Amino acid sequence: MFLMDWPLWIDFFDELQNVRGRSQNTVLAYKRDLELWFTYRSKTPTDVQGFYEFLKQHQLSTRSQARVISSVRTYLRFCETRGGKSPELRELRPPKVKVGLPKALTIEEFEKLLISSRVEDEAKTNRNRLTLLFLFGTGVRVTELIGLNLRDYQATEKWIKVVGKGGKERLVPLTDLLVEALDKYLSEFRPQLVGSDDPESIFVNDRGHRPSRIDIWRWLAAWSHKAGFAEPIHPHRFRHGCATALLEGGADLRSIQMILGHSSIQTTQIYTNVSQKHLRDEVLAKHPLAEAIPDHHQSPKDDEILT
């Protein structure tokens, strides 16, 4: 059975993209999730509960299973709003996902990446350095980073316009260090990287075009390996590192929410837990009472204890 034979398939994705304003990556994620559901249902049309085992057989983590089921429920609810009947909606419940604290990038790790991003080509080295500075200095997502255009940069005001999820725009302030690095890149090094077909994007890949998400992931993987990390540094760790640094530096949650483009303050509040964990680690590592004080005397007898 072709996927387009399923009820309201075209209408659902038309609404996702054109009404709800979901990004192309989000729409593609919905498509992949629903393909799993339709594949299972075409083989087992009556057993809804077996879908959980089906997802496990595909070696999906609990978090990935929850995302797939959430996508399916969104589609089924859409069908019901259009007059369809979706009894499966009452049976499908996403598994409970244990929310862990995000692992923030440390300044030491960031400095190692900066060193490892150096290459023989000075223009590419400068581009690589600016990529890391932007990820850590502004907390932008990879999709937001590669979407930055020349016209988005306001040099005199030291702001840059970032287009986030759902096409929502926000202005992110730039530090003097980042402004200086960006100005130097734009005036001296970017012209060396672009080809005859000059893209609008601030960042340019090795072929002279706007970089893709794969380009950024590939760069980070190469720099992480060169720096000696056991595994590639995930782009989101820069975002967590930026938020944690701002919070520990005294920034309020509302400001961090605006900078990162969180739709809900509750998303931003998770960084307070990160910061509290950091403080606890500091106490356990450095406070003299973190370890038991050795008792060089025998315990006093009961009749010696003052009451």
C-alpha atoms as a PDB file:
ATOM      1  CA  MET A   1       0.000   0.000   0.000  1.00  0.00           C
ATOM      2  CA  PHE A   2       1.335   3.413  -0.945  1.00  0.00           C
ATOM      3  CA  LEU A   3       1.673   5.932   1.876  1.00  0.00           C
ATOM      4  CA  MET A   4      -0.488   8.442   0.016  1.00  0.00           C
ATOM      5  CA  ASP A   5      -3.371   5.955   0.233  1.00  0.00           C
ATOM      6  CA  TRP A   6      -3.645   6.672   3.951  1.00  0.00           C
ATOM      7  CA  PRO A   7      -6.363   9.115   4.992  1.00  0.00           C
ATOM      8  CA  LEU A   8      -5.547  12.818   4.701  1.00  0.00           C
ATOM      9  CA  TRP A   9      -1.835  12.128   4.156  1.00  0.00           C
ATOM     10  CA  ILE A  10      -1.319  15.103   1.835  1.00  0.00           C
ATOM     11  CA  ASP A  11      -3.565  17.390   3.894  1.00  0.00           C
ATOM     12  CA  PHE A  12      -1.685  16.567   7.095  1.00  0.00           C
ATOM     13  CA  PHE A  13       1.718  17.466   5.719  1.00  0.00           C
ATOM     14  CA  ASP A  14       0.349  20.531   3.990  1.00  0.00           C
ATOM     15  CA  GLU A  15      -0.895  21.787   7.368  1.00  0.00           C
ATOM     16  CA  LEU A  16       2.379  20.944   9.109  1.00  0.00           C
ATOM     17  CA  GLN A  17       4.426  22.987   6.688  1.00  0.00           C
ATOM     18  CA  ASN A  18       2.129  25.772   5.561  1.00  0.00           C
ATOM     19  CA  VAL A  19      -0.176  26.321   8.543  1.00  0.00           C
ATOM     20  CA  ARG A  20       1.819  25.279  11.589  1.00  0.00           C
ATOM     21  CA  GLY A  21       5.072  26.522  10.062  1.00  0.00           C
ATOM     22  CA  ARG A  22       7.129  23.428  10.862  1.00  0.00           C
ATOM     23  CA  SER A  23      10.632  23.333   9.418  1.00  0.00           C
ATOM     24  CA  GLN A  24      11.573  20.976   6.610  1.00  0.00           C
ATOM     25  CA  ASN A  25      13.594  18.850   9.029  1.00  0.00           C
ATOM     26  CA  THR A  26      10.602  18.528  11.356  1.00  0.00           C
ATOM     27  CA  VAL A  27       8.303  17.573   8.476  1.00  0.00           C
ATOM     28  CA  LEU A  28      10.778  14.910   7.337  1.00  0.00           C
ATOM     29  CA  ALA A  29      10.942  13.562  10.894  1.00  0.00           C
ATOM     30  CA  TYR A  30       7.147  13.235  10.953  1.00  0.00           C
ATOM     31  CA  LYS A  31       7.291  11.387   7.633  1.00  0.00           C
ATOM     32  CA  ARG A  32       9.858   8.886   8.917  1.00  0.00           C
ATOM     33  CA  ASP A  33       7.886   8.294  12.113  1.00  0.00           C
ATOM     34  CA  LEU A  34       4.611   7.758  10.290  1.00  0.00           C
ATOM     35  CA  GLU A  35       6.241   5.399   7.805  1.00  0.00           C
ATOM     36  CA  LEU A  36       7.054   3.109  10.740  1.00  0.00           C
ATOM     37  CA  TRP A  37       3.428   3.248  11.885  1.00  0.00           C
ATOM     38  CA  PHE A  38       2.018   2.565   8.422  1.00  0.00           C
ATOM     39  CA  THR A  39       4.469  -0.277   7.820  1.00  0.00           C
ATOM     40  CA  TYR A  40       3.400  -1.930  11.059  1.00  0.00           C
ATOM     41  CA  ARG A  41      -0.321  -1.371  10.495  1.00  0.00           C
ATOM     42  CA  SER A  42      -0.212  -2.788   6.966  1.00  0.00           C
ATOM     43  CA  LYS A  43       1.109  -6.055   8.416  1.00  0.00           C
ATOM     44  CA  THR A  44      -0.758  -6.074  11.732  1.00  0.00           C
ATOM     45  CA  PRO A  45      -3.971  -4.065  11.304  1.00  0.00           C
ATOM     46  CA  THR A  46      -5.631  -5.062  14.594  1.00  0.00           C
ATOM     47  CA  ASP A  47      -2.911  -5.265  17.255  1.00  0.00           C
ATOM     48  CA  VAL A  48      -2.085  -1.699  18.297  1.00  0.00           C
ATOM     49  CA  GLN A  49      -0.136  -2.686  21.414  1.00  0.00           C
ATOM     50  CA  GLY A  50       2.309  -4.702  19.310  1.00  0.00           C
ATOM     51  CA  PHE A  51       3.624  -1.430  17.901  1.00  0.00           C
ATOM     52  CA  TYR A  52       5.754  -0.935  21.012  1.00  0.00           C
ATOM     53  CA  GLU A  53       7.577  -4.221  20.409  1.00  0.00           C
ATOM     54  CA  PHE A  54       7.862  -3.321  16.727  1.00  0.00           C
ATOM     55  CA  LEU A  55       9.715  -0.132  17.657  1.00  0.00           C
ATOM     56  CA  LYS A  56      12.022  -2.031  20.019  1.00  0.00           C
ATOM     57  CA  GLN A  57      12.860  -4.428  17.193  1.00  0.00           C
ATOM     58  CA  HIS A  58      14.001  -1.406  15.207  1.00  0.00           C
ATOM     59  CA  GLN A  59      16.392  -0.657  18.097  1.00  0.00           C
ATOM     60  CA  LEU A  60      14.836   2.695  18.892  1.00  0.00           C
ATOM     61  CA  SER A  61      15.637   4.252  22.248  1.00  0.00           C
ATOM     62  CA  THR A  62      12.859   5.108  24.674  1.00  0.00           C
ATOM     63  CA  ARG A  63      13.155   8.756  23.679  1.00  0.00           C
ATOM     64  CA  SER A  64      12.895   7.878  19.976  1.00  0.00           C
ATOM     65  CA  GLN A  65       9.902   5.624  20.649  1.00  0.00           C
ATOM     66  CA  ALA A  66       8.188   8.480  22.467  1.00  0.00           C
ATOM     67  CA  ARG A  67       8.825  10.796  19.518  1.00  0.00           C
ATOM     68  CA  VAL A  68       7.410   8.280  17.003  1.00  0.00           C
ATOM     69  CA  ILE A  69       4.255   7.718  19.044  1.00  0.00           C
ATOM     70  CA  SER A  70       3.842  11.467  19.535  1.00  0.00           C
ATOM     71  CA  SER A  71       4.025  11.922  15.750  1.00  0.00           C
ATOM     72  CA  VAL A  72       1.436   9.190  15.212  1.00  0.00           C
ATOM     73  CA  ARG A  73      -0.900  10.715  17.802  1.00  0.00           C
ATOM     74  CA  THR A  74      -0.570  14.130  16.130  1.00  0.00           C
ATOM     75  CA  TYR A  75      -1.568  12.587  12.811  1.00  0.00           C
ATOM     76  CA  LEU A  76      -4.499  10.666  14.329  1.00  0.00           C
ATOM     77  CA  ARG A  77      -5.799  13.777  16.099  1.00  0.00           C
ATOM     78  CA  PHE A  78      -5.606  15.633  12.791  1.00  0.00           C
ATOM     79  CA  CYS A  79      -7.688  12.901  11.143  1.00  0.00           C
ATOM     80  CA  GLU A  80     -10.304  13.171  13.880  1.00  0.00           C
ATOM     81  CA  THR A  81     -10.581  16.940  13.393  1.00  0.00           C
ATOM     82  CA  ARG A  82     -11.410  16.182   9.775  1.00  0.00           C
ATOM     83  CA  GLY A  83     -14.207  13.782  10.687  1.00  0.00           C
ATOM     84  CA  GLY A  84     -12.240  10.549  10.798  1.00  0.00           C
ATOM     85  CA  LYS A  85     -12.328   7.972  13.566  1.00  0.00           C
ATOM     86  CA  SER A  86      -9.080   6.997  15.280  1.00  0.00           C
ATOM     87  CA  PRO A  87      -9.715   4.495  18.085  1.00  0.00           C
ATOM     88  CA  GLU A  88      -5.947   3.850  18.204  1.00  0.00           C
ATOM     89  CA  LEU A  89      -5.533   7.313  19.698  1.00  0.00           C
ATOM     90  CA  ARG A  90      -6.906   6.056  22.996  1.00  0.00           C
ATOM     91  CA  GLU A  91      -4.544   3.069  23.060  1.00  0.00           C
ATOM     92  CA  LEU A  92      -1.286   4.695  22.057  1.00  0.00           C
ATOM     93  CA  ARG A  93       0.554   6.309  24.917  1.00  0.00           C
ATOM     94  CA  PRO A  94       4.195   7.390  24.689  1.00  0.00           C
ATOM     95  CA  PRO A  95       6.567   5.630  27.088  1.00  0.00           C
ATOM     96  CA  LYS A  96       7.872   7.607  30.027  1.00  0.00           C
ATOM     97  CA  VAL A  97      11.186   9.197  29.204  1.00  0.00           C
ATOM     98  CA  LYS A  98      13.655   9.946  31.946  1.00  0.00           C
ATOM     99  CA  VAL A  99      14.782  13.503  31.364  1.00  0.00           C
ATOM    100  CA  GLY A 100      18.499  13.816  32.034  1.00  0.00           C
ATOM    101  CA  LEU A 101      20.377  17.015  32.571  1.00  0.00           C
ATOM    102  CA  PRO A 102      21.996  18.302  29.378  1.00  0.00           C
ATOM    103  CA  LYS A 103      25.777  17.994  29.354  1.00  0.00           C
ATOM    104  CA  ALA A 104      27.127  21.459  28.797  1.00  0.00           C
ATOM    105  CA  LEU A 105      30.282  22.111  26.807  1.00  0.00           C
ATOM    106  CA  THR A 106      33.050  23.361  29.072  1.00  0.00           C
ATOM    107  CA  ILE A 107      35.409  26.202  28.251  1.00  0.00           C
ATOM    108  CA  GLU A 108      38.301  23.725  28.322  1.00  0.00           C
ATOM    109  CA  GLU A 109      36.614  21.538  25.708  1.00  0.00           C
ATOM    110  CA  PHE A 110      35.809  24.603  23.636  1.00  0.00           C
ATOM    111  CA  GLU A 111      39.440  25.737  23.651  1.00  0.00           C
ATOM    112  CA  LYS A 112      40.588  22.277  22.526  1.00  0.00           C
ATOM    113  CA  LEU A 113      38.156  22.419  19.618  1.00  0.00           C
ATOM    114  CA  LEU A 114      39.409  25.877  18.661  1.00  0.00           C
ATOM    115  CA  ILE A 115      42.960  24.555  18.448  1.00  0.00           C
ATOM    116  CA  SER A 116      41.949  21.450  16.502  1.00  0.00           C
ATOM    117  CA  SER A 117      39.938  23.495  13.975  1.00  0.00           C
ATOM    118  CA  ARG A 118      43.108  25.016  12.540  1.00  0.00           C
ATOM    119  CA  VAL A 119      44.040  23.942   9.019  1.00  0.00           C
ATOM    120  CA  GLU A 120      46.649  25.036   6.493  1.00  0.00           C
ATOM    121  CA  ASP A 121      44.219  27.351   4.705  1.00  0.00           C
ATOM    122  CA  GLU A 122      43.979  30.581   6.734  1.00  0.00           C
ATOM    123  CA  ALA A 123      40.533  31.469   5.354  1.00  0.00           C
ATOM    124  CA  LYS A 124      39.105  28.065   6.308  1.00  0.00           C
ATOM    125  CA  THR A 125      40.737  28.256   9.728  1.00  0.00           C
ATOM    126  CA  ASN A 126      39.054  31.613  10.297  1.00  0.00           C
ATOM    127  CA  ARG A 127      35.709  30.210   9.121  1.00  0.00           C
ATOM    128  CA  ASN A 128      36.087  27.206  11.423  1.00  0.00           C
ATOM    129  CA  ARG A 129      36.940  29.403  14.406  1.00  0.00           C
ATOM    130  CA  LEU A 130      33.952  31.670  13.744  1.00  0.00           C
ATOM    131  CA  THR A 131      31.673  28.621  13.515  1.00  0.00           C
ATOM    132  CA  LEU A 132      32.708  27.526  16.999  1.00  0.00           C
ATOM    133  CA  LEU A 133      32.459  31.055  18.381  1.00  0.00           C
ATOM    134  CA  PHE A 134      28.913  31.411  17.068  1.00  0.00           C
ATOM    135  CA  LEU A 135      27.755  28.032  18.384  1.00  0.00           C
ATOM    136  CA  PHE A 136      29.149  28.658  21.854  1.00  0.00           C
ATOM    137  CA  GLY A 137      28.706  32.432  21.985  1.00  0.00           C
ATOM    138  CA  THR A 138      25.091  32.666  20.843  1.00  0.00           C
ATOM    139  CA  GLY A 139      23.685  29.183  21.533  1.00  0.00           C
ATOM    140  CA  VAL A 140      22.154  28.942  18.063  1.00  0.00           C
ATOM    141  CA  ARG A 141      20.945  25.632  16.703  1.00  0.00           C
ATOM    142  CA  VAL A 142      22.777  24.183  13.678  1.00  0.00           C
ATOM    143  CA  THR A 143      19.808  24.902  11.399  1.00  0.00           C
ATOM    144  CA  GLU A 144      19.780  28.504  12.627  1.00  0.00           C
ATOM    145  CA  LEU A 145      23.536  28.838  12.113  1.00  0.00           C
ATOM    146  CA  ILE A 146      23.525  27.749   8.485  1.00  0.00           C
ATOM    147  CA  GLY A 147      20.479  29.953   7.841  1.00  0.00           C
ATOM    148  CA  LEU A 148      22.239  33.178   8.851  1.00  0.00           C
ATOM    149  CA  ASN A 149      22.443  35.677   5.997  1.00  0.00           C
ATOM    150  CA  LEU A 150      24.599  38.743   5.487  1.00  0.00           C
ATOM    151  CA  ARG A 151      21.587  41.027   5.802  1.00  0.00           C
ATOM    152  CA  ASP A 152      20.812  39.583   9.239  1.00  0.00           C
ATOM    153  CA  TYR A 153      23.923  41.142  10.773  1.00  0.00           C
ATOM    154  CA  GLN A 154      23.617  44.621  12.273  1.00  0.00           C
ATOM    155  CA  ALA A 155      27.218  45.639  12.844  1.00  0.00           C
ATOM    156  CA  THR A 156      26.558  49.027  14.432  1.00  0.00           C
ATOM    157  CA  GLU A 157      24.005  47.631  16.863  1.00  0.00           C
ATOM    158  CA  LYS A 158      25.988  44.415  17.460  1.00  0.00           C
ATOM    159  CA  TRP A 159      22.927  42.216  16.923  1.00  0.00           C
ATOM    160  CA  ILE A 160      22.136  39.390  14.559  1.00  0.00           C
ATOM    161  CA  LYS A 161      18.689  38.217  13.501  1.00  0.00           C
ATOM    162  CA  VAL A 162      18.146  34.497  13.968  1.00  0.00           C
ATOM    163  CA  VAL A 163      15.244  32.607  12.415  1.00  0.00           C
ATOM    164  CA  GLY A 164      14.261  29.777  14.733  1.00  0.00           C
ATOM    165  CA  LYS A 165      11.655  27.038  14.849  1.00  0.00           C
ATOM    166  CA  GLY A 166       8.396  27.840  13.110  1.00  0.00           C
ATOM    167  CA  GLY A 167       9.992  30.810  11.358  1.00  0.00           C
ATOM    168  CA  LYS A 168      10.096  32.816  14.588  1.00  0.00           C
ATOM    169  CA  GLU A 169      12.663  35.610  14.502  1.00  0.00           C
ATOM    170  CA  ARG A 170      14.738  36.857  17.403  1.00  0.00           C
ATOM    171  CA  LEU A 171      17.579  39.339  17.821  1.00  0.00           C
ATOM    172  CA  VAL A 172      20.639  37.934  19.541  1.00  0.00           C
ATOM    173  CA  PRO A 173      23.284  40.291  20.981  1.00  0.00           C
ATOM    174  CA  LEU A 174      26.905  39.673  20.013  1.00  0.00           C
ATOM    175  CA  THR A 175      29.893  40.150  22.281  1.00  0.00           C
ATOM    176  CA  ASP A 176      32.706  42.472  21.237  1.00  0.00           C
ATOM    177  CA  LEU A 177      34.924  39.440  20.644  1.00  0.00           C
ATOM    178  CA  LEU A 178      32.358  37.872  18.333  1.00  0.00           C
ATOM    179  CA  VAL A 179      31.750  41.158  16.476  1.00  0.00           C
ATOM    180  CA  GLU A 180      35.484  41.607  15.921  1.00  0.00           C
ATOM    181  CA  ALA A 181      35.854  38.022  14.673  1.00  0.00           C
ATOM    182  CA  LEU A 182      32.819  38.317  12.396  1.00  0.00           C
ATOM    183  CA  ASP A 183      33.914  41.641  10.897  1.00  0.00           C
ATOM    184  CA  LYS A 184      37.376  40.282  10.141  1.00  0.00           C
ATOM    185  CA  TYR A 185      35.932  37.133   8.571  1.00  0.00           C
ATOM    186  CA  LEU A 186      33.494  39.059   6.381  1.00  0.00           C
ATOM    187  CA  SER A 187      36.074  41.567   5.152  1.00  0.00           C
ATOM    188  CA  GLU A 188      39.155  39.382   4.746  1.00  0.00           C
ATOM    189  CA  PHE A 189      38.350  35.694   4.596  1.00  0.00           C
ATOM    190  CA  ARG A 190      34.818  35.091   3.355  1.00  0.00           C
ATOM    191  CA  PRO A 191      35.637  36.606  -0.091  1.00  0.00           C
ATOM    192  CA  GLN A 192      38.351  33.944  -0.443  1.00  0.00           C
ATOM    193  CA  LEU A 193      35.872  31.124   0.190  1.00  0.00           C
ATOM    194  CA  VAL A 194      32.964  32.088  -2.056  1.00  0.00           C
ATOM    195  CA  GLY A 195      32.861  31.170  -5.725  1.00  0.00           C
ATOM    196  CA  SER A 196      31.443  33.075  -8.649  1.00  0.00           C
ATOM    197  CA  ASP A 197      27.956  32.295  -7.335  1.00  0.00           C
ATOM    198  CA  ASP A 198      28.196  34.209  -4.051  1.00  0.00           C
ATOM    199  CA  PRO A 199      25.557  32.877  -1.607  1.00  0.00           C
ATOM    200  CA  GLU A 200      23.651  35.116   0.789  1.00  0.00           C
ATOM    201  CA  SER A 201      24.800  33.091   3.770  1.00  0.00           C
ATOM    202  CA  ILE A 202      27.352  34.316   6.262  1.00  0.00           C
ATOM    203  CA  PHE A 203      29.000  30.926   6.504  1.00  0.00           C
ATOM    204  CA  VAL A 204      30.405  29.240   3.422  1.00  0.00           C
ATOM    205  CA  ASN A 205      31.518  25.636   3.010  1.00  0.00           C
ATOM    206  CA  ASP A 206      34.600  24.394   1.163  1.00  0.00           C
ATOM    207  CA  ARG A 207      32.695  24.427  -2.146  1.00  0.00           C
ATOM    208  CA  GLY A 208      31.762  28.089  -1.797  1.00  0.00           C
ATOM    209  CA  HIS A 209      28.105  27.423  -0.958  1.00  0.00           C
ATOM    210  CA  ARG A 210      25.866  27.725   2.086  1.00  0.00           C
ATOM    211  CA  PRO A 211      26.880  24.884   4.423  1.00  0.00           C
ATOM    212  CA  SER A 212      24.460  22.070   5.186  1.00  0.00           C
ATOM    213  CA  ARG A 213      23.731  20.441   8.524  1.00  0.00           C
ATOM    214  CA  ILE A 214      25.936  17.562   7.378  1.00  0.00           C
ATOM    215  CA  ASP A 215      28.824  19.982   6.795  1.00  0.00           C
ATOM    216  CA  ILE A 216      28.621  21.253  10.381  1.00  0.00           C
ATOM    217  CA  TRP A 217      28.357  17.743  11.814  1.00  0.00           C
ATOM    218  CA  ARG A 218      31.295  16.603   9.672  1.00  0.00           C
ATOM    219  CA  TRP A 219      33.441  19.544  10.790  1.00  0.00           C
ATOM    220  CA  LEU A 220      32.663  18.971  14.461  1.00  0.00           C
ATOM    221  CA  ALA A 221      33.392  15.250  14.141  1.00  0.00           C
ATOM    222  CA  ALA A 222      36.770  15.948  12.522  1.00  0.00           C
ATOM    223  CA  TRP A 223      37.751  18.573  15.096  1.00  0.00           C
ATOM    224  CA  SER A 224      36.576  16.380  17.981  1.00  0.00           C
ATOM    225  CA  HIS A 225      38.674  13.468  16.712  1.00  0.00           C
ATOM    226  CA  LYS A 226      41.707  15.709  16.246  1.00  0.00           C
ATOM    227  CA  ALA A 227      41.248  17.111  19.762  1.00  0.00           C
ATOM    228  CA  GLY A 228      41.307  13.592  21.194  1.00  0.00           C
ATOM    229  CA  PHE A 229      37.684  13.307  22.319  1.00  0.00           C
ATOM    230  CA  ALA A 230      36.301   9.788  22.570  1.00  0.00           C
ATOM    231  CA  GLU A 231      33.257  10.743  20.497  1.00  0.00           C
ATOM    232  CA  PRO A 232      32.179  13.732  18.385  1.00  0.00           C
ATOM    233  CA  ILE A 233      30.990  16.771  20.302  1.00  0.00           C
ATOM    234  CA  HIS A 234      27.244  17.080  19.723  1.00  0.00           C
ATOM    235  CA  PRO A 235      26.204  20.534  18.420  1.00  0.00           C
ATOM    236  CA  HIS A 236      23.579  20.863  21.136  1.00  0.00           C
ATOM    237  CA  ARG A 237      26.284  20.783  23.803  1.00  0.00           C
ATOM    238  CA  PHE A 238      27.343  24.243  22.630  1.00  0.00           C
ATOM    239  CA  ARG A 239      23.790  25.447  23.196  1.00  0.00           C
ATOM    240  CA  HIS A 240      23.711  23.936  26.676  1.00  0.00           C
ATOM    241  CA  GLY A 241      27.139  25.394  27.394  1.00  0.00           C
ATOM    242  CA  CYS A 242      26.050  28.868  26.340  1.00  0.00           C
ATOM    243  CA  ALA A 243      22.908  28.767  28.499  1.00  0.00           C
ATOM    244  CA  THR A 244      24.730  27.399  31.534  1.00  0.00           C
ATOM    245  CA  ALA A 245      27.498  29.993  31.246  1.00  0.00           C
ATOM    246  CA  LEU A 246      24.949  32.810  31.007  1.00  0.00           C
ATOM    247  CA  LEU A 247      23.038  31.544  34.033  1.00  0.00           C
ATOM    248  CA  GLU A 248      26.138  31.101  36.165  1.00  0.00           C
ATOM    249  CA  GLY A 249      27.261  34.556  35.065  1.00  0.00           C
ATOM    250  CA  GLY A 250      24.109  36.080  36.515  1.00  0.00           C
ATOM    251  CA  ALA A 251      21.762  36.299  33.511  1.00  0.00           C
ATOM    252  CA  ASP A 252      18.059  35.891  34.333  1.00  0.00           C
ATOM    253  CA  LEU A 253      15.972  33.083  32.887  1.00  0.00           C
ATOM    254  CA  ARG A 254      13.806  35.379  30.767  1.00  0.00           C
ATOM    255  CA  SER A 255      16.858  36.828  29.016  1.00  0.00           C
ATOM    256  CA  ILE A 256      18.272  33.355  28.371  1.00  0.00           C
ATOM    257  CA  GLN A 257      14.891  32.271  27.012  1.00  0.00           C
ATOM    258  CA  MET A 258      14.904  35.161  24.536  1.00  0.00           C
ATOM    259  CA  ILE A 259      18.491  34.513  23.446  1.00  0.00           C
ATOM    260  CA  LEU A 260      17.964  30.781  22.865  1.00  0.00           C
ATOM    261  CA  GLY A 261      14.506  31.177  21.345  1.00  0.00           C
ATOM    262  CA  HIS A 262      12.711  28.842  23.745  1.00  0.00           C
ATOM    263  CA  SER A 263       8.954  29.043  23.321  1.00  0.00           C
ATOM    264  CA  SER A 264       8.439  28.194  26.997  1.00  0.00           C
ATOM    265  CA  ILE A 265      10.302  29.382  30.083  1.00  0.00           C
ATOM    266  CA  GLN A 266       9.991  25.830  31.421  1.00  0.00           C
ATOM    267  CA  THR A 267      12.477  24.664  28.796  1.00  0.00           C
ATOM    268  CA  THR A 268      14.952  27.266  29.991  1.00  0.00           C
ATOM    269  CA  GLN A 269      14.475  26.305  33.643  1.00  0.00           C
ATOM    270  CA  ILE A 270      16.261  22.999  33.129  1.00  0.00           C
ATOM    271  CA  TYR A 271      19.511  24.956  33.149  1.00  0.00           C
ATOM    272  CA  THR A 272      18.906  25.936  36.753  1.00  0.00           C
ATOM    273  CA  ASN A 273      19.200  22.229  37.544  1.00  0.00           C
ATOM    274  CA  VAL A 274      22.439  22.076  35.589  1.00  0.00           C
ATOM    275  CA  SER A 275      23.806  25.004  37.533  1.00  0.00           C
ATOM    276  CA  GLN A 276      22.716  23.532  40.874  1.00  0.00           C
ATOM    277  CA  LYS A 277      24.414  20.255  39.959  1.00  0.00           C
ATOM    278  CA  HIS A 278      27.570  22.179  39.099  1.00  0.00           C
ATOM    279  CA  LEU A 279      27.467  23.918  42.479  1.00  0.00           C
ATOM    280  CA  ARG A 280      26.974  20.616  44.258  1.00  0.00           C
ATOM    281  CA  ASP A 281      29.924  19.086  42.380  1.00  0.00           C
ATOM    282  CA  GLU A 282      32.042  22.069  43.386  1.00  0.00           C
ATOM    283  CA  VAL A 283      31.117  21.625  47.046  1.00  0.00           C
ATOM    284  CA  LEU A 284      31.801  17.891  46.981  1.00  0.00           C
ATOM    285  CA  ALA A 285      35.130  18.437  45.261  1.00  0.00           C
ATOM    286  CA  LYS A 286      36.459  21.374  47.257  1.00  0.00           C
ATOM    287  CA  HIS A 287      34.766  21.703  50.650  1.00  0.00           C
ATOM    288  CA  PRO A 288      36.805  20.261  53.533  1.00  0.00           C
ATOM    289  CA  LEU A 289      33.697  18.649  55.020  1.00  0.00           C
ATOM    290  CA  ALA A 290      32.860  16.791  51.804  1.00  0.00           C
ATOM    291  CA  GLU A 291      34.720  13.769  53.157  1.00  0.00           C
ATOM    292  CA  ALA A 292      34.435  12.174  56.539  1.00  0.00           C
ATOM    293  CA  ILE A 293      36.874  13.536  59.115  1.00  0.00           C
ATOM    294  CA  PRO A 294      38.970  10.682  60.495  1.00  0.00           C
ATOM    295  CA  ASP A 295      38.327   9.995  64.169  1.00  0.00           C
ATOM    296  CA  HIS A 296      41.638   9.625  65.936  1.00  0.00           C
ATOM    297  CA  HIS A 297      40.001   8.959  69.286  1.00  0.00           C
ATOM    298  CA  GLN A 298      37.922   6.068  70.372  1.00  0.00           C
ATOM    299  CA  SER A 299      34.253   6.699  70.838  1.00  0.00           C
ATOM    300  CA  PRO A 300      33.454   7.839  74.368  1.00  0.00           C
ATOM    301  CA  LYS A 301      31.586   5.549  76.660  1.00  0.00           C
ATOM    302  CA  ASP A 302      27.947   6.207  77.295  1.00  0.00           C
ATOM    303  CA  ASP A 303      28.570   7.579  80.756  1.00  0.00           C
ATOM    304  CA  GLU A 304      31.148  10.017  79.330  1.00  0.00           C
ATOM    305  CA  ILE A 305      28.705  11.662  76.970  1.00  0.00           C
ATOM    306  CA  LEU A 306      27.455  14.991  78.240  1.00  0.00           C
ATOM    307  CA  THR A 307      23.718  15.362  78.143  1.00  0.00           C
END
